[in-house]
Structure formats: C-alpha cells, structure tokens
Amino acid sequence: MPMYVPSRGRVEEFDVGGGGQVLDLETAVKDGILGGGGGVVVHGGAIEKKLSLRKMMEELDSIEVPSVFICPISLEPMQDPVTLCTGQTYERSNILKWFSLGHFTCPTTMQELWDDSITPNSTLHQLIYSWFSQKYLAMKKRSEDVQGRVLEILETLKKVKGEARVQALKELRQVVAAHDSAKKTVTDNSGVSLITSLLGPFTKHVVASEAIGILVHLDLNSDGKANLMQPNKISLMVDTLNEGSIDTKINCTKLLELLMEGKDSEYEVLSSLSLFVGLLRIIKDKRHPNGVLSGLRLLKLISSHESLRNSIVGIGAIPQLVEVLPNLNAECLELALVILEALSTLPEGALALMDCRSTIPNVVKLLMKVSESCTQFALSILWAVCKLAPEKCSSVAVEAGLAAKLLLVIQSGCNPVLKQRSAELLKLCSLNYSETIFISKCKLTKTMQ
C-alpha cells in the first residue's frame, strides 16, 4: 500500500456567531489566556503560532470535548481529520503511523481496506475549529470581566477603610487565587505597592491576613520584596503567623520564604524568637500536613545561615524536632533532618541532640529506610552525637540497633562517603564491647560473621 505524505494544510480562520469575530490565537497567547504548545498552526502575518488542541482544552477549564472530535487512536482532539473508506475518521498523523507499521486495516473496525485513499474531512475540520473558537471567545470575555473587576477592587481599596476594606481584600484574594489573568492585572496596575502599603504596625490582623493571602500568589519584583522586607512589615507577618488560621499561617510562611530566597544579608530580620516559636507550633501540628511542610521549608531556609542557628537551638527547637520525626512523611522528614544536621554543627546543637533521649533511637530507625540522602543526614547527626560522648552514646546506639543498620549501609550500593562514615561510626560503637558481644549485638548470621 503506498504511503501518504500529508500535504501542509492551511488552517482557516472562521467567523464565529455570524458577527465577523475571527479566532486569533496569536492574540490569545499575548493575552495570556492560552499557553503555547505544539500542534495547530495558526497564521498571523509572518508569524506562525503553534498551539495544541490538548493544551487549549486544559486552559479552557478542561471542558468536555464532543466525542466526534476525538481521534480513536490517540483519544485526543483531532487537528487534521481524515476519513477512510470504512467511514471512520482519524487524525492524519495517527493513521499514517498506523499504516507505516504495516497495518492495512481500519483500527476501529479491523476491516481490511478495499480502497487505500484517505480523504480530508473538511466539514469536521471546520466544526472543530468553530467549536474551539466559541470556547475561546467565551473564555476571553470571562477573562476581560475578571480584569475589569480587579481594577474596580484596586480603586475601591484606595478609598475605603474598616470592614469595607476587609471585604474588598477578601474578594481580591479569591479572584487572584482563581485566575492567572487577575494576578497579572494586579501586578501591572501597581497593585503590589497598594496592598503592601496596607501593612504596618497598626494594621488589624484580619486585614493583614487577607493582604498576605493576595501577595503570596503574586510575582513580586525586587522593589516589591524590598518594600515588604521592612522590619515593621516583617513583624506584622510574624504576629499574623502566630495568631491566624492555619491557612493564614501557611500563607505567612510561604511569603516569608519567598522574600528570603536568594537573600544573603537580610536574614537578621527573621531572627525573631516569636517567629521560631510560631514555626515550631505549625511543625508540631500533625492535623495539618501542609502547614508542617511550609513550616519546615522556612525553618530550613533560616537554619542554612549560621548566624541564626544559635537562636533556633536556644528556644529548644532540637528536642521538639526530634520528637516529631516518627510522624513525618518522606518530604517533611528530609527537611527536618537537614535542619537537625545544620544545628548539630554547633557545639550547643550537638549537646542538645545528645541530651534528648529520643535522638538516637528516632534517628537510627531512619537509616536505610527513606532515601540515601536521609541516610546521609541521619549518619551525620549520629556522628555529631556519638563523638561528643562515645562511651555514653555508643551503648545506647548499639541497643537501638545502630550497628546492624551500619553494616547494611556498608554492604549497600550507596556512595563511598556514606560507607566510610558508617565504618567510622561502627568502630566508635564497638569501643565498649568485646568482639564476641559486639557481633551478637549486630544480630549477624554465622555466614555474615
């Protein structure tokens, strides 16, 4: 059967609704309503924009596509539908690939083809593009309505106070959270500076909560971040974090994390004991896993700076973090171990780890259990503790099963650095035991011995 090379079909522009409105996907991309992709070629002057129908569907609220528009092979909307002699219609590229694999049947009916021609289905082609055109225009109108409403709210915020301000902020937060076009409208119309100006030493927490809930969804430039980094605004965020709902707490931690990313010289503004206490409360609240994650992310960022580690250790963070280890999921667990490892580099941190009775048993359980990186952090923490008081800690560690776990690490396929650290820690653990007793403590079989 001869192979067919699809001719480069011209994608027509269609009038929609009889009003002379033309689908212009290039404009849609510029408007931010539809994202670019690969697939449909749309002529716009000398430029051709590619946009897949599948991507269009995702952007158009995942609306249900009529089944007649779906290719039976790929189960995706067709761009260039062609019909076989059996009456079945397929996407041109899909059916040609079917033929190229040596199949001379109709994929749907499995009938042998008595005619090897494929016929472009222009009627269906026009229906598909007309349908998507209407959906696009409906979405464009909705987007314009959203943008207009955002501008109205921003104007309102310049004039109102009290409960009216709270209600305006609440509506703006809801719109921004639901529509990307709303975020762009806020940032393009000085909305960030307007909302930031509402945060100050005398701002009510309900206003701060709504304002922070908006800012956390926006793309903040360097000026916007610098404005928010003022001590009085940071102080308000910390107070709001301690007193707000769980959603507000999460928004506060996310915004503070966003402000501190890439900063090397402004971490001192976060050296607030009130902030550390608030973060530990979130981390210990296992009813809200998202809060635990956001709290650990920010605490990890803070603990990466040596100048703030002493303050974290000083408020008793280490025993609290150690106690929550058994309740954490894998992602949170790695964050917690990174924090504890950073704190263990301080003499005060290592001492606090050693003084906490749960440190060794809780950390030993994590070896070879979650990931290689978790094993690495756990070994580093155990090394900091055991080398501080070898005679006291080694027996506790061995009773907790450390020796057997270390042998598993050494025999595993992990990196040489981990094996070396495990060997050193194993030697440290054996100091208080005779060879025979230590071997029995390792729970080894005769063959392994």
Protein backbone atom coordinates (compact mmCIF):
# COMPACT_ATOMS: atom_id res chain seq x y z
CA MET A 1 0.00 0.00 0.00
CA PRO A 2 1.51 3.38 -0.91
CA MET A 3 2.50 5.68 1.95
CA TYR A 4 0.86 9.08 2.02
CA VAL A 5 2.67 12.28 2.92
CA PRO A 6 0.21 14.77 4.37
CA SER A 7 0.09 17.99 2.46
CA ARG A 8 0.63 21.12 4.52
CA GLY A 9 -2.96 22.06 5.13
CA ARG A 10 -3.94 25.69 5.58
CA VAL A 11 -5.71 26.32 8.85
CA GLU A 12 -8.53 28.69 8.06
CA GLU A 13 -9.86 31.49 10.18
CA PHE A 14 -13.55 31.19 10.96
CA ASP A 15 -16.23 33.71 11.65
CA VAL A 16 -17.93 32.91 14.90
CA GLY A 17 -21.56 33.59 15.66
CA GLY A 18 -22.08 35.49 12.43
CA GLY A 19 -20.64 38.68 13.91
CA GLY A 20 -17.43 38.80 11.91
CA GLN A 21 -15.35 37.89 15.01
CA VAL A 22 -12.23 36.00 13.94
CA LEU A 23 -10.39 33.50 16.11
CA ASP A 24 -6.93 34.94 16.65
CA LEU A 25 -4.85 32.51 18.67
CA GLU A 26 -1.79 34.73 18.48
CA THR A 27 -3.77 37.38 20.33
CA ALA A 28 -4.92 34.71 22.77
CA VAL A 29 -1.31 33.85 23.56
CA LYS A 30 -0.44 37.52 24.03
CA ASP A 31 -3.47 37.98 26.28
CA GLY A 32 -2.21 35.20 28.49
CA ILE A 33 -5.47 33.31 28.04
CA LEU A 34 -3.93 30.38 26.20
CA GLY A 35 -0.43 28.99 26.54
CA GLY A 36 1.80 27.97 23.65
CA GLY A 37 2.43 24.38 22.66
CA GLY A 38 2.90 22.25 19.60
CA GLY A 39 0.28 21.19 17.15
CA VAL A 40 -2.09 23.59 15.43
CA VAL A 41 -0.56 26.09 13.03
CA VAL A 42 -2.24 29.48 13.02
CA HIS A 43 -1.14 32.11 10.52
CA GLY A 44 -0.70 35.59 11.98
CA GLY A 45 1.17 37.78 9.48
CA ALA A 46 4.67 36.39 9.04
CA ILE A 47 4.47 34.54 12.33
CA GLU A 48 3.04 31.07 12.83
CA LYS A 49 1.94 30.23 16.35
CA LYS A 50 1.62 26.59 17.36
CA LEU A 51 -0.95 25.63 19.91
CA SER A 52 -2.09 22.08 20.58
CA LEU A 53 -5.78 21.36 20.95
CA ARG A 54 -4.98 19.40 24.07
CA LYS A 55 -3.35 22.45 25.63
CA MET A 56 -6.35 24.51 24.61
CA MET A 57 -8.57 22.07 26.44
CA GLU A 58 -6.54 22.33 29.61
CA GLU A 59 -6.69 26.10 29.50
CA LEU A 60 -10.42 26.06 28.77
CA ASP A 61 -11.25 24.62 32.18
CA SER A 62 -10.93 21.02 30.98
CA ILE A 63 -14.31 21.20 29.27
CA GLU A 64 -15.65 18.01 27.76
CA VAL A 65 -14.86 17.71 24.06
CA PRO A 66 -17.59 16.20 21.83
CA SER A 67 -16.70 12.58 21.15
CA VAL A 68 -16.90 13.09 17.39
CA PHE A 69 -13.85 15.40 17.66
CA ILE A 70 -11.71 12.70 19.31
CA CYS A 71 -9.30 10.54 17.32
CA PRO A 72 -9.96 6.85 18.16
CA ILE A 73 -6.22 6.14 18.08
CA SER A 74 -4.77 8.86 20.33
CA LEU A 75 -8.01 9.73 22.18
CA GLU A 76 -7.10 13.40 21.72
CA PRO A 77 -8.92 16.15 19.77
CA MET A 78 -8.17 15.98 16.05
CA GLN A 79 -6.36 18.75 14.22
CA ASP A 80 -6.35 17.37 10.68
CA PRO A 81 -9.19 14.78 10.45
CA VAL A 82 -9.20 12.34 7.52
CA THR A 83 -11.71 9.62 6.66
CA LEU A 84 -11.04 6.08 5.41
CA CYS A 85 -13.17 4.05 3.00
CA THR A 86 -14.80 2.38 6.03
CA GLY A 87 -16.27 5.73 7.06
CA GLN A 88 -14.09 6.00 10.20
CA THR A 89 -12.28 9.29 10.83
CA TYR A 90 -8.81 9.67 12.36
CA GLU A 91 -6.13 12.27 12.92
CA ARG A 92 -3.99 12.23 9.76
CA SER A 93 -0.63 11.73 11.54
CA ASN A 94 -2.02 8.89 13.65
CA ILE A 95 -3.50 6.87 10.80
CA LEU A 96 -0.36 7.34 8.68
CA LYS A 97 1.71 6.00 11.57
CA TRP A 98 -0.69 3.01 11.76
CA PHE A 99 -0.12 2.36 8.05
CA SER A 100 3.66 2.75 8.39
CA LEU A 101 3.67 -0.12 10.91
CA GLY A 102 2.35 -2.43 8.17
CA HIS A 103 -1.33 -2.39 9.14
CA PHE A 104 -3.75 -2.28 6.18
CA THR A 105 -6.91 -2.38 8.24
CA CYS A 106 -9.23 0.14 9.86
CA PRO A 107 -8.09 0.45 13.53
CA THR A 108 -11.67 0.75 14.81
CA THR A 109 -13.46 -1.93 12.81
CA MET A 110 -10.39 -4.05 11.92
CA GLN A 111 -11.82 -4.39 8.38
CA GLU A 112 -9.36 -4.77 5.54
CA LEU A 113 -9.26 -1.62 3.42
CA TRP A 114 -10.60 -2.07 -0.10
CA ASP A 115 -9.58 1.47 -1.03
CA ASP A 116 -6.21 2.88 0.01
CA SER A 117 -7.18 6.56 -0.15
CA ILE A 118 -7.62 8.92 2.81
CA THR A 119 -9.97 11.86 2.41
CA PRO A 120 -9.67 15.15 4.34
CA ASN A 121 -12.82 15.70 6.37
CA SER A 122 -13.22 19.45 5.81
CA THR A 123 -16.67 19.64 7.43
CA LEU A 124 -15.45 18.10 10.67
CA HIS A 125 -12.29 20.21 10.49
CA GLN A 126 -14.38 23.39 10.35
CA LEU A 127 -16.69 22.20 13.13
CA ILE A 128 -13.72 21.52 15.42
CA TYR A 129 -12.21 24.95 14.91
CA SER A 130 -15.54 26.74 15.13
CA TRP A 131 -16.28 24.94 18.41
CA PHE A 132 -12.92 25.85 19.92
CA SER A 133 -13.30 29.41 18.62
CA GLN A 134 -16.53 29.85 20.53
CA LYS A 135 -14.99 28.41 23.70
CA TYR A 136 -12.01 30.72 23.32
CA LEU A 137 -14.18 33.81 22.88
CA ALA A 138 -16.27 32.86 25.91
CA MET A 139 -13.12 32.48 27.96
CA LYS A 140 -11.70 35.75 26.62
CA LYS A 141 -14.87 37.57 27.67
CA ARG A 142 -14.71 35.99 31.11
CA SER A 143 -11.05 36.97 31.40
CA GLU A 144 -11.85 40.57 30.48
CA ASP A 145 -14.62 40.58 33.08
CA VAL A 146 -12.13 39.35 35.71
CA GLN A 147 -9.59 42.01 34.77
CA GLY A 148 -12.23 44.70 34.95
CA ARG A 149 -13.35 43.52 38.38
CA VAL A 150 -9.76 43.53 39.66
CA LEU A 151 -9.31 47.15 38.54
CA GLU A 152 -12.55 48.09 40.32
CA ILE A 153 -11.37 46.44 43.56
CA LEU A 154 -7.98 48.18 43.39
CA GLU A 155 -9.74 51.54 43.02
CA THR A 156 -12.02 50.68 45.94
CA LEU A 157 -9.04 49.82 48.17
CA LYS A 158 -7.68 53.34 47.68
CA LYS A 159 -10.83 54.83 49.19
CA VAL A 160 -12.30 52.53 51.83
CA LYS A 161 -11.37 51.52 55.36
CA GLY A 162 -12.64 49.22 58.07
CA GLU A 163 -14.95 46.36 57.14
CA ALA A 164 -15.31 47.59 53.56
CA ARG A 165 -11.54 47.25 53.11
CA VAL A 166 -11.61 43.72 54.54
CA GLN A 167 -14.39 42.70 52.14
CA ALA A 168 -12.57 44.19 49.14
CA LEU A 169 -9.36 42.37 50.06
CA LYS A 170 -11.24 39.14 50.60
CA GLU A 171 -12.83 39.34 47.15
CA LEU A 172 -9.50 40.22 45.53
CA ARG A 173 -7.82 37.27 47.26
CA GLN A 174 -10.46 34.90 45.92
CA VAL A 175 -10.20 36.27 42.37
CA VAL A 176 -6.39 36.20 42.36
CA ALA A 177 -6.34 32.62 43.64
CA ALA A 178 -8.71 31.51 40.87
CA HIS A 179 -7.46 33.41 37.79
CA ASP A 180 -3.96 33.91 36.41
CA SER A 181 -5.16 36.94 34.46
CA ALA A 182 -6.14 38.57 37.78
CA LYS A 183 -2.59 38.17 39.11
CA LYS A 184 -1.17 39.89 36.04
CA THR A 185 -3.72 42.71 36.30
CA VAL A 186 -2.77 43.36 39.93
CA THR A 187 0.97 43.49 39.23
CA ASP A 188 0.58 45.56 36.04
CA ASN A 189 -1.52 48.20 37.82
CA SER A 190 0.64 48.94 40.89
CA GLY A 191 -1.47 46.59 42.97
CA VAL A 192 1.52 45.18 44.85
CA SER A 193 2.58 48.56 46.24
CA LEU A 194 -1.05 49.39 47.08
CA ILE A 195 -1.58 46.15 49.02
CA THR A 196 1.84 46.41 50.67
CA SER A 197 1.02 49.93 51.86
CA LEU A 198 -1.82 48.45 53.92
CA LEU A 199 0.66 46.51 56.06
CA GLY A 200 2.05 48.43 59.02
CA PRO A 201 2.43 48.45 62.82
CA PHE A 202 -1.24 49.34 63.37
CA THR A 203 -2.78 47.06 60.75
CA LYS A 204 -5.51 44.78 62.03
CA HIS A 205 -4.75 41.09 61.72
CA VAL A 206 -7.83 40.45 59.59
CA VAL A 207 -6.55 42.98 57.04
CA ALA A 208 -3.03 41.57 57.21
CA SER A 209 -4.35 38.03 56.73
CA GLU A 210 -6.22 38.95 53.53
CA ALA A 211 -3.38 41.10 52.17
CA ILE A 212 -0.79 38.37 52.75
CA GLY A 213 -3.16 35.86 51.12
CA ILE A 214 -3.06 38.03 48.00
CA LEU A 215 0.67 38.80 47.95
CA VAL A 216 1.66 35.14 48.25
CA HIS A 217 0.02 34.47 44.86
CA LEU A 218 1.78 37.30 43.00
CA ASP A 219 5.10 37.54 41.17
CA LEU A 220 6.96 40.07 43.31
CA ASN A 221 9.79 42.07 41.75
CA SER A 222 12.84 43.25 43.70
CA ASP A 223 11.18 46.55 44.67
CA GLY A 224 8.11 44.77 45.96
CA LYS A 225 10.23 42.40 48.03
CA ALA A 226 12.37 45.23 49.40
CA ASN A 227 9.24 47.08 50.49
CA LEU A 228 7.92 44.01 52.31
CA MET A 229 11.30 43.40 54.00
CA GLN A 230 10.87 46.47 56.20
CA PRO A 231 11.12 45.43 59.90
CA ASN A 232 7.63 46.66 60.79
CA LYS A 233 6.07 44.64 57.95
CA ILE A 234 8.06 41.51 58.85
CA SER A 235 6.96 41.96 62.45
CA LEU A 236 3.33 42.13 61.35
CA MET A 237 3.74 38.94 59.27
CA VAL A 238 5.20 37.14 62.28
CA ASP A 239 2.35 38.29 64.53
CA THR A 240 -0.17 37.22 61.90
CA LEU A 241 1.53 33.84 61.60
CA ASN A 242 1.15 33.27 65.33
CA GLU A 243 -2.46 34.41 65.58
CA GLY A 244 -4.07 33.48 62.26
CA SER A 245 -5.90 30.43 60.97
CA ILE A 246 -3.93 27.52 59.54
CA ASP A 247 -4.39 28.91 56.00
CA THR A 248 -3.07 32.27 57.15
CA LYS A 249 -0.12 30.62 58.88
CA ILE A 250 0.76 28.76 55.67
CA ASN A 251 0.47 31.94 53.60
CA CYS A 252 2.74 33.79 56.03
CA THR A 253 5.44 31.11 55.90
CA LYS A 254 5.25 30.97 52.09
CA LEU A 255 5.53 34.75 51.78
CA LEU A 256 8.47 34.93 54.20
CA GLU A 257 10.18 32.12 52.30
CA LEU A 258 9.57 33.96 49.02
CA LEU A 259 11.06 37.16 50.46
CA MET A 260 14.18 35.41 51.75
CA GLU A 261 15.04 33.40 48.65
CA GLY A 262 18.41 34.48 47.31
CA LYS A 263 19.00 36.88 50.21
CA ASP A 264 22.37 36.65 51.98
CA SER A 265 22.50 39.81 54.03
CA GLU A 266 18.95 40.36 55.29
CA TYR A 267 18.34 37.24 57.36
CA GLU A 268 18.70 39.15 60.60
CA VAL A 269 15.17 40.49 60.16
CA LEU A 270 14.00 36.90 60.72
CA SER A 271 15.90 36.46 63.99
CA SER A 272 12.65 36.82 65.90
CA LEU A 273 12.07 34.30 68.67
CA SER A 274 8.36 34.79 68.10
CA LEU A 275 8.81 33.54 64.53
CA PHE A 276 10.74 30.44 65.63
CA VAL A 277 8.11 29.63 68.24
CA GLY A 278 5.33 30.06 65.68
CA LEU A 279 7.09 27.80 63.18
CA LEU A 280 7.56 25.06 65.77
CA ARG A 281 3.86 25.21 66.64
CA ILE A 282 2.98 24.69 62.96
CA ILE A 283 5.51 21.87 62.61
CA LYS A 284 4.15 20.02 65.63
CA ASP A 285 0.53 20.30 64.50
CA LYS A 286 0.13 16.98 62.68
CA ARG A 287 -3.52 17.76 61.89
CA HIS A 288 -2.33 19.98 59.04
CA PRO A 289 0.37 18.30 56.87
CA ASN A 290 0.56 21.30 54.53
CA GLY A 291 1.33 23.52 57.49
CA VAL A 292 4.04 21.13 58.69
CA LEU A 293 5.65 21.22 55.25
CA SER A 294 5.57 25.02 54.90
CA GLY A 295 6.91 25.48 58.43
CA LEU A 296 9.82 23.10 57.83
CA ARG A 297 10.64 24.74 54.49
CA LEU A 298 11.01 28.15 56.09
CA LEU A 299 12.90 26.82 59.11
CA LYS A 300 15.32 25.03 56.77
CA LEU A 301 15.92 28.28 54.91
CA ILE A 302 16.60 30.11 58.17
CA SER A 303 18.85 27.38 59.61
CA SER A 304 21.03 27.46 56.49
CA HIS A 305 22.54 30.68 57.91
CA GLU A 306 24.96 30.15 60.77
CA SER A 307 24.16 33.46 62.45
CA LEU A 308 20.60 32.30 63.21
CA ARG A 309 21.27 28.72 64.31
CA ASN A 310 22.08 29.62 67.92
CA SER A 311 18.71 31.33 68.29
CA ILE A 312 16.91 28.24 66.96
CA VAL A 313 18.80 25.97 69.37
CA GLY A 314 18.22 28.43 72.21
CA ILE A 315 14.43 28.16 72.09
CA GLY A 316 14.57 24.37 72.45
CA ALA A 317 13.84 23.52 68.82
CA ILE A 318 16.02 20.39 68.71
CA PRO A 319 14.06 18.12 71.10
CA GLN A 320 10.79 19.28 69.53
CA LEU A 321 12.03 18.42 66.02
CA VAL A 322 13.38 15.06 67.18
CA GLU A 323 10.04 14.13 68.75
CA VAL A 324 8.07 14.76 65.54
CA LEU A 325 10.39 12.68 63.31
CA PRO A 326 8.32 9.45 63.53
CA ASN A 327 5.17 11.31 62.37
CA LEU A 328 6.61 12.97 59.25
CA ASN A 329 6.16 11.94 55.64
CA ALA A 330 9.20 11.47 53.42
CA GLU A 331 9.35 15.05 52.14
CA CYS A 332 8.99 16.60 55.59
CA LEU A 333 11.38 14.07 57.08
CA GLU A 334 14.21 15.10 54.81
CA LEU A 335 13.64 18.77 55.62
CA ALA A 336 13.69 18.05 59.37
CA LEU A 337 16.92 16.06 59.08
CA VAL A 338 18.57 18.87 57.08
CA ILE A 339 17.65 21.30 59.87
CA LEU A 340 18.92 18.99 62.63
CA GLU A 341 22.16 18.35 60.76
CA ALA A 342 22.73 22.09 60.37
CA LEU A 343 22.08 22.63 64.09
CA SER A 344 24.38 19.72 65.00
CA THR A 345 27.36 21.67 63.63
CA LEU A 346 27.09 23.97 66.66
CA PRO A 347 28.54 22.70 69.98
CA GLU A 348 25.28 23.73 71.63
CA GLY A 349 23.32 21.90 68.96
CA ALA A 350 25.27 18.66 69.32
CA LEU A 351 24.88 18.84 73.10
CA ALA A 352 21.11 19.40 72.79
CA LEU A 353 20.88 16.36 70.49
CA MET A 354 22.84 14.22 72.94
CA ASP A 355 20.70 15.36 75.89
CA CYS A 356 17.48 14.42 74.08
CA ARG A 357 16.77 10.76 74.87
CA SER A 358 14.81 10.25 71.63
CA THR A 359 17.57 11.43 69.30
CA ILE A 360 19.48 8.17 68.86
CA PRO A 361 16.51 5.72 68.68
CA ASN A 362 14.46 8.00 66.40
CA VAL A 363 17.35 8.74 64.04
CA VAL A 364 18.64 5.15 63.93
CA LYS A 365 15.24 3.99 62.64
CA LEU A 366 15.64 6.25 59.62
CA LEU A 367 18.83 4.64 58.33
CA MET A 368 18.24 2.81 55.03
CA LYS A 369 14.53 3.45 55.37
CA VAL A 370 13.56 6.53 53.34
CA SER A 371 16.26 7.61 50.90
CA GLU A 372 20.02 7.78 50.54
CA SER A 373 20.01 11.50 51.33
CA CYS A 374 18.02 10.88 54.54
CA THR A 375 20.52 8.18 55.50
CA GLN A 376 23.35 10.64 54.90
CA PHE A 377 21.79 13.33 57.12
CA ALA A 378 20.94 10.77 59.81
CA LEU A 379 24.52 9.45 59.87
CA SER A 380 25.87 12.98 60.17
CA ILE A 381 23.59 13.67 63.15
CA LEU A 382 24.52 10.38 64.87
CA TRP A 383 28.21 11.05 64.32
CA ALA A 384 27.91 14.52 65.92
CA VAL A 385 26.21 12.96 68.96
CA CYS A 386 28.35 9.85 69.40
CA LYS A 387 31.72 11.55 69.03
CA LEU A 388 30.69 14.03 71.72
CA ALA A 389 30.45 11.28 74.35
CA PRO A 390 31.50 7.92 72.80
CA GLU A 391 31.25 5.80 75.95
CA LYS A 392 27.84 7.16 76.92
CA CYS A 393 26.26 7.17 73.46
CA SER A 394 27.73 4.09 71.81
CA SER A 395 25.94 1.61 74.07
CA VAL A 396 22.63 3.46 73.62
CA ALA A 397 23.16 3.45 69.85
CA VAL A 398 24.02 -0.25 69.69
CA GLU A 399 20.99 -1.16 71.82
CA ALA A 400 18.87 0.88 69.39
CA GLY A 401 20.13 -1.32 66.52
CA LEU A 402 22.68 1.09 65.06
CA ALA A 403 25.43 -1.47 64.47
CA ALA A 404 23.20 -3.71 62.36
CA LYS A 405 21.96 -0.71 60.37
CA LEU A 406 25.53 0.48 59.76
CA LEU A 407 26.50 -2.91 58.37
CA LEU A 408 23.57 -2.70 55.98
CA VAL A 409 24.78 0.70 54.79
CA ILE A 410 28.32 -0.62 54.29
CA GLN A 411 27.06 -3.58 52.25
CA SER A 412 24.65 -1.48 50.18
CA GLY A 413 25.36 0.21 46.88
CA CYS A 414 25.38 3.72 48.36
CA ASN A 415 28.17 6.22 47.78
CA PRO A 416 31.66 5.69 49.29
CA VAL A 417 31.39 8.69 51.61
CA LEU A 418 28.39 7.12 53.39
CA LYS A 419 30.21 3.80 53.66
CA GLN A 420 33.27 5.49 55.14
CA ARG A 421 31.21 7.42 57.69
CA SER A 422 29.33 4.21 58.59
CA ALA A 423 32.60 2.35 59.12
CA GLU A 424 33.91 5.12 61.41
CA LEU A 425 30.68 5.17 63.38
CA LEU A 426 30.68 1.36 63.64
CA LYS A 427 34.21 1.46 65.06
CA LEU A 428 33.10 4.08 67.57
CA CYS A 429 30.13 1.93 68.61
CA SER A 430 32.35 -1.11 69.30
CA LEU A 431 34.52 0.61 71.91
CA ASN A 432 32.58 -0.66 74.93
CA TYR A 433 32.21 -4.29 73.76
CA SER A 434 34.30 -7.38 73.30
CA GLU A 435 34.34 -8.75 69.77
CA THR A 436 32.01 -11.62 70.60
CA ILE A 437 29.44 -9.46 72.36
CA PHE A 438 29.57 -6.81 69.66
CA ILE A 439 28.96 -9.39 66.93
CA SER A 440 25.96 -10.67 68.81
CA LYS A 441 24.68 -7.10 69.19
CA CYS A 442 24.93 -6.68 65.43
CA LYS A 443 22.43 -9.57 65.05
CA LEU A 444 24.55 -11.14 62.32
CA THR A 445 24.10 -14.63 60.95
CA LYS A 446 27.05 -17.00 61.08
CA THR A 447 27.61 -16.59 57.35
CA MET A 448 27.71 -12.80 57.61
CA GLN A 449 30.13 -13.03 60.56
